[in-house]
C-alpha atoms as a PDB file:
ATOM      1  CA  MET A   1     107.403  91.789 128.321  1.00  0.00           C
ATOM      2  CA  GLN A   2     106.945  88.468 129.689  1.00  0.00           C
ATOM      3  CA  ALA A   3     103.196  86.935 130.086  1.00  0.00           C
ATOM      4  CA  ASP A   4     101.473  87.442 133.061  1.00  0.00           C
ATOM      5  CA  GLY A   5     101.600  83.695 134.014  1.00  0.00           C
ATOM      6  CA  TYR A   6     105.320  83.849 134.227  1.00  0.00           C
ATOM      7  CA  ASN A   7     105.092  87.143 136.259  1.00  0.00           C
ATOM      8  CA  ALA A   8     102.913  85.629 138.872  1.00  0.00           C
ATOM      9  CA  ARG A   9     105.493  82.638 139.333  1.00  0.00           C
ATOM     10  CA  LEU A  10     109.137  83.959 138.734  1.00  0.00           C
ATOM     11  CA  ARG A  11     110.977  86.566 140.739  1.00  0.00           C
ATOM     12  CA  HIS A  12     112.412  87.821 137.670  1.00  0.00           C
ATOM     13  CA  ALA A  13     110.877  89.978 134.782  1.00  0.00           C
ATOM     14  CA  LEU A  14     111.777  90.258 131.186  1.00  0.00           C
ATOM     15  CA  VAL A  15     111.654  94.088 130.632  1.00  0.00           C
ATOM     16  CA  ALA A  16     111.794  96.381 127.648  1.00  0.00           C
ATOM     17  CA  GLU A  17     113.350 100.043 127.524  1.00  0.00           C
ATOM     18  CA  VAL A  18     110.864 103.000 127.614  1.00  0.00           C
ATOM     19  CA  THR A  19     112.186 106.206 126.825  1.00  0.00           C
ATOM     20  CA  THR A  20     111.139 109.484 125.564  1.00  0.00           C
ATOM     21  CA  ASN A  21     113.687 109.805 122.970  1.00  0.00           C
ATOM     22  CA  LEU A  22     111.806 109.444 119.929  1.00  0.00           C
ATOM     23  CA  ALA A  23     114.805 108.915 117.478  1.00  0.00           C
ATOM     24  CA  ALA A  24     113.863 105.313 116.963  1.00  0.00           C
ATOM     25  CA  ALA A  25     110.049 106.114 116.174  1.00  0.00           C
ATOM     26  CA  ASN A  26     110.307 104.504 112.728  1.00  0.00           C
ATOM     27  CA  ASP A  27     112.338 101.337 113.949  1.00  0.00           C
ATOM     28  CA  PRO A  28     110.032  98.198 113.328  1.00  0.00           C
ATOM     29  CA  ALA A  29     111.380  97.015 116.741  1.00  0.00           C
ATOM     30  CA  CYS A  30     109.972 100.064 118.573  1.00  0.00           C
ATOM     31  CA  GLN A  31     106.493 101.295 119.510  1.00  0.00           C
ATOM     32  CA  LEU A  32     105.778 104.761 119.662  1.00  0.00           C
ATOM     33  CA  ILE A  33     103.197 105.620 122.418  1.00  0.00           C
ATOM     34  CA  GLU A  34     101.623 108.996 121.742  1.00  0.00           C
ATOM     35  CA  VAL A  35      99.785 110.591 124.830  1.00  0.00           C
ATOM     36  CA  SER A  36      97.585 112.835 122.398  1.00  0.00           C
ATOM     37  CA  THR A  37      95.741 109.766 121.341  1.00  0.00           C
ATOM     38  CA  PRO A  38      93.125 107.640 123.502  1.00  0.00           C
ATOM     39  CA  GLU A  39      95.177 104.763 123.955  1.00  0.00           C
ATOM     40  CA  GLY A  40      98.406 106.739 124.763  1.00  0.00           C
ATOM     41  CA  ARG A  41      96.260 108.864 127.359  1.00  0.00           C
ATOM     42  CA  ALA A  42      95.197 105.484 129.003  1.00  0.00           C
ATOM     43  CA  SER A  43      98.596 104.079 129.096  1.00  0.00           C
ATOM     44  CA  GLY A  44      99.358 106.364 132.046  1.00  0.00           C
ATOM     45  CA  LEU A  45     102.402 107.864 130.400  1.00  0.00           C
ATOM     46  CA  THR A  46     102.852 111.450 130.578  1.00  0.00           C
ATOM     47  CA  GLN A  47     105.195 112.388 127.368  1.00  0.00           C
ATOM     48  CA  ASN A  48     105.267 110.537 124.170  1.00  0.00           C
ATOM     49  CA  SER A  49     107.388 107.518 124.388  1.00  0.00           C
ATOM     50  CA  ILE A  50     109.196 104.568 122.590  1.00  0.00           C
ATOM     51  CA  VAL A  51     109.102 101.141 123.942  1.00  0.00           C
ATOM     52  CA  GLY A  52     111.857  99.711 122.408  1.00  0.00           C
ATOM     53  CA  CYS A  53     112.555  95.841 122.054  1.00  0.00           C
ATOM     54  CA  LEU A  54     116.019  95.928 121.011  1.00  0.00           C
ATOM     55  CA  PHE A  55     117.400  95.854 124.519  1.00  0.00           C
ATOM     56  CA  LEU A  56     115.602  93.492 126.660  1.00  0.00           C
ATOM     57  CA  ALA A  57     116.876  92.708 130.162  1.00  0.00           C
ATOM     58  CA  THR A  58     115.944  90.066 132.776  1.00  0.00           C
ATOM     59  CA  ILE A  59     115.559  92.125 136.149  1.00  0.00           C
ATOM     60  CA  ALA A  60     114.927  90.540 139.847  1.00  0.00           C
ATOM     61  CA  GLU A  61     111.700  91.558 140.911  1.00  0.00           C
ATOM     62  CA  SER A  62     112.975  93.189 143.803  1.00  0.00           C
ATOM     63  CA  ARG A  63     114.650  95.878 141.700  1.00  0.00           C
ATOM     64  CA  LEU A  64     111.659  97.021 139.903  1.00  0.00           C
ATOM     65  CA  ALA A  65     109.555 100.165 140.990  1.00  0.00           C
ATOM     66  CA  ALA A  66     106.306 100.835 140.434  1.00  0.00           C
ATOM     67  CA  PRO A  67     104.853 100.808 136.967  1.00  0.00           C
ATOM     68  CA  ILE A  68     104.854 103.627 135.113  1.00  0.00           C
ATOM     69  CA  GLY A  69     102.117 102.723 132.668  1.00  0.00           C
ATOM     70  CA  ARG A  70     100.116  99.954 131.174  1.00  0.00           C
ATOM     71  CA  LEU A  71      99.464  99.031 127.285  1.00  0.00           C
ATOM     72  CA  SER A  72      95.956  98.487 126.056  1.00  0.00           C
ATOM     73  CA  ALA A  73      95.367  94.983 124.413  1.00  0.00           C
ATOM     74  CA  ALA A  74      95.682  96.835 120.995  1.00  0.00           C
ATOM     75  CA  LEU A  75      99.105  98.464 121.773  1.00  0.00           C
ATOM     76  CA  MET A  76     100.443  95.099 123.209  1.00  0.00           C
ATOM     77  CA  GLN A  77      99.514  93.339 119.893  1.00  0.00           C
ATOM     78  CA  GLN A  78     101.524  96.254 118.218  1.00  0.00           C
ATOM     79  CA  LEU A  79     104.473  95.858 120.563  1.00  0.00           C
ATOM     80  CA  ALA A  80     104.235  91.722 119.757  1.00  0.00           C
ATOM     81  CA  GLN A  81     105.120  92.634 116.157  1.00  0.00           C
ATOM     82  CA  CYS A  82     107.914  95.026 117.443  1.00  0.00           C
ATOM     83  CA  LEU A  83     109.328  92.267 119.371  1.00  0.00           C
ATOM     84  CA  LYS A  84     109.096  89.888 116.471  1.00  0.00           C
ATOM     85  CA  SER A  85     111.242  92.192 114.369  1.00  0.00           C
ATOM     86  CA  ALA A  86     113.471  92.670 117.081  1.00  0.00           C
ATOM     87  CA  LEU A  87     114.113  88.633 117.424  1.00  0.00           C
ATOM     88  CA  GLY A  88     113.957  88.097 113.811  1.00  0.00           C
ATOM     89  CA  LEU A  89     110.643  86.132 113.790  1.00  0.00           C
ATOM     90  CA  ALA A  90     108.662  88.195 111.660  1.00  0.00           C
END
């Protein structure tokens, strides 16, 4: 969730939950990633998923596994709106 510049110099990362439980698909603080869409396929995710901005966590870099996907610039813009909703900034 944090900017690439911070990723390069900090030994911790701000992460968001990714889940295949789609119950919160309509929540403004959650971004639905549908693997049937071109952007969803490009993400590398294998199942429809939600990126939730409600439960952010700071994790030591040493505890992070390999990335499970990568979001396009357009999906990152939408995710930014979800983050604003979660933090009450929208």
